[in-house]
């Protein structure tokens, strides 16, 4: 488990990559109950003006916090998490979409031993989440 005293603003604390395939989207749809056709049918996604089948926003949000949870070793240390969805993750019919996540210390609250960890979640060199912030209690 990380120690508050060892953290510095600007320090990268975790990074991971995730591959989303159409199979991933089907599994997530089954687990979440979100069967919106934009997540599995190209024709429907394109008919509503999207560039193709999109990964579920909550799937992207969920995997984005995972590097922080792994770094902490305890999901209970996450006390607040929020994001803004800024760009879609388009998942091809064959192969996968590669989502990269980097977690960096952005703010330290010494009095309460809390840290704000900012996430950079990218797909094809574009940030797909804005203001992705995780507050952790150490």
N, C-alpha and C. Protein backbone atom coordinates (compact mmCIF):
# COMPACT_ATOMS: atom_id res chain seq x y z
N UNK A 1 0.85 -1.18 0.00
CA UNK A 1 0.00 0.00 0.00
C UNK A 1 0.90 1.24 0.00
N UNK A 2 0.54 2.24 -0.79
CA UNK A 2 1.36 3.46 -0.85
C UNK A 2 1.29 4.23 0.47
N UNK A 3 2.34 4.98 0.72
CA UNK A 3 2.39 5.81 1.93
C UNK A 3 2.22 7.27 1.52
N UNK A 4 1.39 7.98 2.24
CA UNK A 4 1.11 9.37 1.93
C UNK A 4 2.40 10.19 1.88
N UNK A 5 3.29 9.96 2.82
CA UNK A 5 4.53 10.74 2.92
C UNK A 5 5.44 10.57 1.70
N UNK A 6 5.25 9.54 0.95
CA UNK A 6 6.11 9.27 -0.22
C UNK A 6 5.54 9.85 -1.51
N UNK A 7 4.38 10.47 -1.44
CA UNK A 7 3.76 11.00 -2.64
C UNK A 7 4.20 12.44 -2.92
N UNK A 8 4.28 12.77 -4.21
CA UNK A 8 4.59 14.14 -4.64
C UNK A 8 3.66 14.51 -5.78
N UNK A 9 3.25 15.77 -5.82
CA UNK A 9 2.43 16.25 -6.92
C UNK A 9 3.22 16.08 -8.22
N UNK A 10 2.56 15.54 -9.23
CA UNK A 10 3.20 15.28 -10.52
C UNK A 10 3.73 13.86 -10.67
N UNK A 11 3.76 13.12 -9.60
CA UNK A 11 4.28 11.75 -9.60
C UNK A 11 3.30 10.79 -10.28
N UNK A 12 3.79 10.02 -11.23
CA UNK A 12 2.95 8.98 -11.84
C UNK A 12 2.94 7.79 -10.91
N UNK A 13 1.75 7.32 -10.55
CA UNK A 13 1.64 6.22 -9.60
C UNK A 13 1.17 4.92 -10.24
N UNK A 14 0.61 5.00 -11.43
CA UNK A 14 0.13 3.78 -12.09
C UNK A 14 -0.12 4.05 -13.56
N UNK A 15 -0.07 2.99 -14.34
CA UNK A 15 -0.40 3.06 -15.77
C UNK A 15 -0.79 1.66 -16.23
N UNK A 16 -1.75 1.60 -17.13
CA UNK A 16 -2.20 0.32 -17.68
C UNK A 16 -2.77 0.52 -19.07
N UNK A 17 -2.88 -0.59 -19.78
CA UNK A 17 -3.51 -0.60 -21.09
C UNK A 17 -4.60 -1.66 -21.10
N UNK A 18 -5.69 -1.37 -21.80
CA UNK A 18 -6.82 -2.29 -21.87
C UNK A 18 -7.24 -2.44 -23.33
N UNK A 19 -7.53 -3.66 -23.73
CA UNK A 19 -8.00 -3.94 -25.08
C UNK A 19 -9.50 -4.22 -25.03
N UNK A 20 -10.25 -3.43 -25.79
CA UNK A 20 -11.69 -3.64 -25.91
C UNK A 20 -11.97 -4.26 -27.27
N UNK A 21 -12.59 -5.42 -27.26
CA UNK A 21 -13.03 -6.07 -28.49
C UNK A 21 -14.55 -6.08 -28.50
N UNK A 22 -15.13 -6.49 -29.60
CA UNK A 22 -16.59 -6.61 -29.62
C UNK A 22 -17.04 -7.63 -28.57
N UNK A 23 -16.24 -8.68 -28.36
CA UNK A 23 -16.57 -9.65 -27.31
C UNK A 23 -16.63 -8.97 -25.94
N UNK A 24 -15.69 -8.05 -25.69
CA UNK A 24 -15.68 -7.30 -24.42
C UNK A 24 -16.99 -6.55 -24.24
N UNK A 25 -17.46 -5.94 -25.34
CA UNK A 25 -18.69 -5.16 -25.26
C UNK A 25 -19.91 -6.03 -24.99
N UNK A 26 -19.94 -7.22 -25.58
CA UNK A 26 -21.04 -8.15 -25.34
C UNK A 26 -21.04 -8.58 -23.88
N UNK A 27 -19.86 -8.90 -23.36
CA UNK A 27 -19.77 -9.31 -21.95
C UNK A 27 -20.21 -8.18 -21.02
N UNK A 28 -19.75 -6.97 -21.33
CA UNK A 28 -20.12 -5.83 -20.49
C UNK A 28 -21.63 -5.58 -20.57
N UNK A 29 -22.19 -5.67 -21.76
CA UNK A 29 -23.64 -5.47 -21.91
C UNK A 29 -24.40 -6.47 -21.05
N UNK A 30 -23.96 -7.72 -21.05
CA UNK A 30 -24.62 -8.74 -20.23
C UNK A 30 -24.50 -8.44 -18.75
N UNK A 31 -23.35 -7.96 -18.32
CA UNK A 31 -23.14 -7.68 -16.90
C UNK A 31 -23.89 -6.42 -16.46
N UNK A 32 -23.96 -5.43 -17.35
CA UNK A 32 -24.55 -4.15 -16.97
C UNK A 32 -26.03 -4.03 -17.32
N UNK A 33 -26.47 -4.83 -18.28
CA UNK A 33 -27.85 -4.71 -18.75
C UNK A 33 -28.03 -3.62 -19.80
N UNK A 34 -26.93 -3.02 -20.25
CA UNK A 34 -26.98 -1.95 -21.25
C UNK A 34 -26.83 -2.56 -22.64
N UNK A 35 -27.96 -2.84 -23.28
CA UNK A 35 -27.96 -3.47 -24.60
C UNK A 35 -28.28 -2.47 -25.71
N UNK A 36 -27.91 -1.21 -25.52
CA UNK A 36 -28.11 -0.21 -26.56
C UNK A 36 -27.39 -0.67 -27.81
N UNK A 37 -28.07 -0.64 -28.94
CA UNK A 37 -27.52 -1.19 -30.19
C UNK A 37 -26.28 -0.46 -30.71
N UNK A 38 -26.02 0.75 -30.25
CA UNK A 38 -24.79 1.45 -30.69
C UNK A 38 -23.53 0.76 -30.18
N UNK A 39 -23.71 -0.16 -29.23
CA UNK A 39 -22.57 -0.87 -28.67
C UNK A 39 -22.29 -2.22 -29.35
N UNK A 40 -23.09 -2.55 -30.38
CA UNK A 40 -22.80 -3.80 -31.08
C UNK A 40 -23.20 -3.83 -32.54
N UNK A 41 -23.89 -2.80 -33.04
CA UNK A 41 -24.30 -2.81 -34.46
C UNK A 41 -23.77 -1.57 -35.18
N UNK A 42 -22.89 -1.81 -36.14
CA UNK A 42 -22.31 -0.72 -36.92
C UNK A 42 -23.37 0.09 -37.64
N UNK A 43 -24.34 -0.59 -38.25
CA UNK A 43 -25.35 0.13 -39.03
C UNK A 43 -26.15 1.09 -38.18
N UNK A 44 -26.51 0.69 -36.98
CA UNK A 44 -27.28 1.55 -36.08
C UNK A 44 -26.40 2.71 -35.60
N UNK A 45 -25.17 2.41 -35.20
CA UNK A 45 -24.26 3.45 -34.73
C UNK A 45 -24.06 4.51 -35.81
N UNK A 46 -23.84 4.07 -37.03
CA UNK A 46 -23.62 5.02 -38.12
C UNK A 46 -24.89 5.77 -38.49
N UNK A 47 -26.03 5.12 -38.37
CA UNK A 47 -27.31 5.77 -38.69
C UNK A 47 -27.61 6.94 -37.75
N UNK A 48 -27.08 6.89 -36.55
CA UNK A 48 -27.31 7.99 -35.60
C UNK A 48 -26.12 8.95 -35.57
N UNK A 49 -25.22 8.82 -36.56
CA UNK A 49 -24.13 9.78 -36.71
C UNK A 49 -22.85 9.45 -35.97
N UNK A 50 -22.73 8.25 -35.47
CA UNK A 50 -21.51 7.86 -34.77
C UNK A 50 -20.51 7.26 -35.76
N UNK A 51 -19.22 7.29 -35.43
CA UNK A 51 -18.21 6.75 -36.35
C UNK A 51 -18.18 5.22 -36.41
N UNK A 52 -18.89 4.57 -35.53
CA UNK A 52 -18.93 3.11 -35.47
C UNK A 52 -19.41 2.67 -34.11
N UNK A 53 -19.28 1.39 -33.83
CA UNK A 53 -19.68 0.84 -32.54
C UNK A 53 -18.81 1.44 -31.43
N UNK A 54 -19.46 1.89 -30.38
CA UNK A 54 -18.76 2.53 -29.27
C UNK A 54 -18.70 1.63 -28.05
N UNK A 55 -17.59 1.71 -27.33
CA UNK A 55 -17.50 1.08 -26.02
C UNK A 55 -18.44 1.82 -25.08
N UNK A 56 -19.01 1.13 -24.14
CA UNK A 56 -19.86 1.73 -23.13
C UNK A 56 -19.03 2.75 -22.34
N UNK A 57 -19.60 3.91 -22.09
CA UNK A 57 -18.89 4.91 -21.30
C UNK A 57 -18.54 4.41 -19.91
N UNK A 58 -19.46 3.68 -19.30
CA UNK A 58 -19.19 3.18 -17.95
C UNK A 58 -18.13 2.09 -17.94
N UNK A 59 -17.98 1.38 -19.04
CA UNK A 59 -16.89 0.41 -19.15
C UNK A 59 -15.56 1.15 -19.16
N UNK A 60 -15.48 2.20 -19.96
CA UNK A 60 -14.27 3.01 -20.02
C UNK A 60 -13.97 3.63 -18.66
N UNK A 61 -14.98 4.16 -18.02
CA UNK A 61 -14.81 4.75 -16.70
C UNK A 61 -14.34 3.71 -15.68
N UNK A 62 -14.93 2.53 -15.75
CA UNK A 62 -14.58 1.47 -14.81
C UNK A 62 -13.15 0.99 -14.94
N UNK A 63 -12.70 0.78 -16.17
CA UNK A 63 -11.31 0.31 -16.33
C UNK A 63 -10.33 1.43 -16.01
N UNK A 64 -10.74 2.68 -16.18
CA UNK A 64 -9.82 3.79 -15.94
C UNK A 64 -9.41 3.90 -14.47
N UNK A 65 -10.27 3.56 -13.56
CA UNK A 65 -9.93 3.65 -12.14
C UNK A 65 -9.14 2.42 -11.67
N UNK A 66 -9.16 1.35 -12.45
CA UNK A 66 -8.53 0.10 -12.01
C UNK A 66 -7.04 0.23 -11.69
N UNK A 67 -6.23 0.98 -12.47
CA UNK A 67 -4.82 1.11 -12.09
C UNK A 67 -4.64 1.74 -10.70
N UNK A 68 -5.51 2.65 -10.34
CA UNK A 68 -5.43 3.27 -9.01
C UNK A 68 -5.81 2.26 -7.94
N UNK A 69 -6.85 1.48 -8.18
CA UNK A 69 -7.26 0.44 -7.22
C UNK A 69 -6.12 -0.56 -7.04
N UNK A 70 -5.49 -0.97 -8.12
CA UNK A 70 -4.37 -1.92 -8.01
C UNK A 70 -3.21 -1.31 -7.24
N UNK A 71 -2.90 -0.04 -7.50
CA UNK A 71 -1.81 0.65 -6.80
C UNK A 71 -2.12 0.73 -5.30
N UNK A 72 -3.38 1.04 -4.95
CA UNK A 72 -3.78 1.15 -3.56
C UNK A 72 -3.80 -0.21 -2.86
N UNK A 73 -4.19 -1.25 -3.61
CA UNK A 73 -4.33 -2.57 -3.00
C UNK A 73 -5.62 -2.73 -2.23
N UNK A 74 -6.50 -1.73 -2.30
CA UNK A 74 -7.75 -1.76 -1.53
C UNK A 74 -8.73 -0.77 -2.16
N UNK A 75 -9.76 -1.27 -2.81
CA UNK A 75 -10.75 -0.39 -3.46
C UNK A 75 -11.46 0.50 -2.45
N UNK A 76 -11.49 0.11 -1.19
CA UNK A 76 -12.13 0.90 -0.15
C UNK A 76 -11.42 2.21 0.13
N UNK A 77 -10.20 2.36 -0.36
CA UNK A 77 -9.44 3.61 -0.18
C UNK A 77 -9.88 4.69 -1.16
N UNK A 78 -10.64 4.31 -2.19
CA UNK A 78 -11.20 5.29 -3.13
C UNK A 78 -12.41 5.92 -2.46
N UNK A 79 -12.37 7.25 -2.26
CA UNK A 79 -13.47 7.90 -1.56
C UNK A 79 -14.33 8.76 -2.49
N UNK A 80 -13.83 9.06 -3.68
CA UNK A 80 -14.62 9.82 -4.65
C UNK A 80 -14.00 9.61 -6.03
N UNK A 81 -14.85 9.53 -7.03
CA UNK A 81 -14.39 9.33 -8.40
C UNK A 81 -15.39 9.95 -9.35
N UNK A 82 -14.89 10.75 -10.27
CA UNK A 82 -15.77 11.35 -11.26
C UNK A 82 -15.04 11.61 -12.56
N UNK A 83 -15.78 11.62 -13.64
CA UNK A 83 -15.22 11.88 -14.97
C UNK A 83 -16.23 12.66 -15.80
N UNK A 84 -15.76 13.19 -16.91
CA UNK A 84 -16.62 13.71 -17.97
C UNK A 84 -16.25 12.93 -19.22
N UNK A 85 -17.25 12.49 -19.95
CA UNK A 85 -17.00 11.75 -21.19
C UNK A 85 -16.78 12.78 -22.30
N UNK A 86 -15.61 12.72 -22.95
CA UNK A 86 -15.27 13.74 -23.94
C UNK A 86 -15.18 13.22 -25.36
N UNK A 87 -14.74 11.99 -25.55
CA UNK A 87 -14.63 11.40 -26.88
C UNK A 87 -14.96 9.91 -26.77
N UNK A 88 -15.49 9.34 -27.85
CA UNK A 88 -15.84 7.92 -27.80
C UNK A 88 -14.65 7.00 -28.05
N UNK A 89 -14.78 5.79 -27.58
CA UNK A 89 -13.84 4.71 -27.91
C UNK A 89 -14.55 3.85 -28.95
N UNK A 90 -14.06 3.91 -30.18
CA UNK A 90 -14.67 3.16 -31.28
C UNK A 90 -14.01 1.79 -31.34
N UNK A 91 -14.83 0.76 -31.28
CA UNK A 91 -14.33 -0.62 -31.24
C UNK A 91 -14.56 -1.27 -32.60
N UNK A 92 -13.48 -1.69 -33.26
CA UNK A 92 -13.62 -2.26 -34.60
C UNK A 92 -14.27 -3.65 -34.57
N UNK A 93 -14.83 -4.05 -35.70
CA UNK A 93 -15.46 -5.37 -35.80
C UNK A 93 -14.43 -6.49 -35.61
N UNK A 94 -13.20 -6.25 -36.04
CA UNK A 94 -12.12 -7.24 -35.90
C UNK A 94 -10.97 -6.57 -35.16
N UNK A 95 -10.34 -7.30 -34.30
CA UNK A 95 -9.25 -6.72 -33.51
C UNK A 95 -9.79 -6.06 -32.26
N UNK A 96 -9.14 -4.97 -31.85
CA UNK A 96 -9.52 -4.33 -30.60
C UNK A 96 -9.19 -2.84 -30.62
N UNK A 97 -9.76 -2.14 -29.68
CA UNK A 97 -9.43 -0.74 -29.41
C UNK A 97 -8.53 -0.75 -28.18
N UNK A 98 -7.41 -0.04 -28.25
CA UNK A 98 -6.47 0.00 -27.13
C UNK A 98 -6.69 1.29 -26.34
N UNK A 99 -7.03 1.14 -25.08
CA UNK A 99 -7.25 2.27 -24.17
C UNK A 99 -6.10 2.30 -23.18
N UNK A 100 -5.46 3.47 -23.07
CA UNK A 100 -4.32 3.64 -22.17
C UNK A 100 -4.71 4.56 -21.02
N UNK A 101 -4.28 4.19 -19.82
CA UNK A 101 -4.60 4.97 -18.62
C UNK A 101 -3.31 5.28 -17.87
N UNK A 102 -3.13 6.54 -17.51
CA UNK A 102 -2.01 6.97 -16.68
C UNK A 102 -2.58 7.72 -15.49
N UNK A 103 -2.12 7.37 -14.28
CA UNK A 103 -2.59 7.97 -13.04
C UNK A 103 -1.47 8.79 -12.42
N UNK A 104 -1.76 10.06 -12.12
CA UNK A 104 -0.75 10.98 -11.62
C UNK A 104 -1.28 11.73 -10.40
N UNK A 105 -0.42 11.92 -9.40
CA UNK A 105 -0.81 12.69 -8.21
C UNK A 105 -0.99 14.15 -8.61
N UNK A 106 -2.16 14.71 -8.31
CA UNK A 106 -2.45 16.09 -8.69
C UNK A 106 -2.56 17.03 -7.48
N UNK A 107 -2.97 16.49 -6.34
CA UNK A 107 -3.16 17.33 -5.16
C UNK A 107 -2.99 16.48 -3.92
N UNK A 108 -2.39 17.07 -2.88
CA UNK A 108 -2.21 16.37 -1.61
C UNK A 108 -2.84 17.19 -0.49
N UNK A 109 -3.59 16.51 0.37
CA UNK A 109 -4.21 17.13 1.53
C UNK A 109 -3.58 16.46 2.76
N UNK A 110 -2.51 17.07 3.27
CA UNK A 110 -1.75 16.47 4.37
C UNK A 110 -2.57 16.36 5.65
N UNK A 111 -3.41 17.34 5.92
CA UNK A 111 -4.20 17.33 7.15
C UNK A 111 -5.11 16.12 7.22
N UNK A 112 -5.71 15.75 6.08
CA UNK A 112 -6.65 14.63 6.04
C UNK A 112 -6.06 13.37 5.41
N UNK A 113 -4.79 13.43 5.03
CA UNK A 113 -4.09 12.30 4.41
C UNK A 113 -4.84 11.77 3.17
N UNK A 114 -5.30 12.72 2.36
CA UNK A 114 -6.00 12.38 1.13
C UNK A 114 -5.17 12.87 -0.06
N UNK A 115 -5.34 12.19 -1.16
CA UNK A 115 -4.66 12.59 -2.39
C UNK A 115 -5.65 12.55 -3.54
N UNK A 116 -5.52 13.54 -4.43
CA UNK A 116 -6.31 13.51 -5.67
C UNK A 116 -5.40 12.97 -6.76
N UNK A 117 -5.87 11.93 -7.39
CA UNK A 117 -5.14 11.30 -8.49
C UNK A 117 -5.90 11.63 -9.77
N UNK A 118 -5.21 12.23 -10.71
CA UNK A 118 -5.82 12.55 -12.01
C UNK A 118 -5.50 11.44 -12.99
N UNK A 119 -6.50 11.09 -13.78
CA UNK A 119 -6.35 10.03 -14.78
C UNK A 119 -6.32 10.63 -16.17
N UNK A 120 -5.41 10.14 -16.98
CA UNK A 120 -5.41 10.45 -18.40
C UNK A 120 -5.76 9.16 -19.11
N UNK A 121 -6.94 9.12 -19.70
CA UNK A 121 -7.42 7.93 -20.40
C UNK A 121 -7.48 8.28 -21.87
N UNK A 122 -6.70 7.54 -22.67
CA UNK A 122 -6.62 7.89 -24.09
C UNK A 122 -6.89 6.69 -25.01
N UNK A 123 -7.37 7.04 -26.18
CA UNK A 123 -7.62 6.09 -27.26
C UNK A 123 -7.19 6.79 -28.53
N UNK A 124 -6.32 6.15 -29.28
CA UNK A 124 -5.78 6.73 -30.51
C UNK A 124 -5.25 8.14 -30.27
N UNK A 125 -4.50 8.30 -29.18
CA UNK A 125 -3.84 9.56 -28.82
C UNK A 125 -4.80 10.68 -28.44
N UNK A 126 -6.07 10.40 -28.25
CA UNK A 126 -7.06 11.38 -27.82
C UNK A 126 -7.53 11.06 -26.41
N UNK A 127 -7.62 12.07 -25.55
CA UNK A 127 -8.18 11.86 -24.22
C UNK A 127 -9.68 11.62 -24.37
N UNK A 128 -10.15 10.53 -23.79
CA UNK A 128 -11.57 10.18 -23.91
C UNK A 128 -12.36 10.51 -22.65
N UNK A 129 -11.66 10.84 -21.57
CA UNK A 129 -12.30 11.27 -20.34
C UNK A 129 -11.70 12.61 -19.94
N UNK A 130 -12.55 13.53 -19.56
CA UNK A 130 -12.08 14.81 -19.06
C UNK A 130 -12.32 14.89 -17.57
N UNK A 131 -11.50 15.67 -16.91
CA UNK A 131 -11.64 15.88 -15.47
C UNK A 131 -11.84 14.55 -14.73
N UNK A 132 -11.03 13.57 -15.11
CA UNK A 132 -11.10 12.26 -14.46
C UNK A 132 -10.25 12.32 -13.20
N UNK A 133 -10.92 12.37 -12.06
CA UNK A 133 -10.26 12.56 -10.77
C UNK A 133 -10.71 11.52 -9.77
N UNK A 134 -9.73 11.00 -9.05
CA UNK A 134 -9.98 10.01 -8.01
C UNK A 134 -9.40 10.54 -6.70
N UNK A 135 -10.23 10.67 -5.70
CA UNK A 135 -9.73 11.02 -4.37
C UNK A 135 -9.53 9.73 -3.58
N UNK A 136 -8.36 9.62 -2.96
CA UNK A 136 -8.04 8.41 -2.19
C UNK A 136 -7.66 8.81 -0.77
N UNK A 137 -8.00 7.94 0.16
CA UNK A 137 -7.67 8.15 1.58
C UNK A 137 -6.52 7.23 1.94
N UNK A 138 -5.45 7.82 2.43
CA UNK A 138 -4.29 7.01 2.82
C UNK A 138 -4.04 7.09 4.31
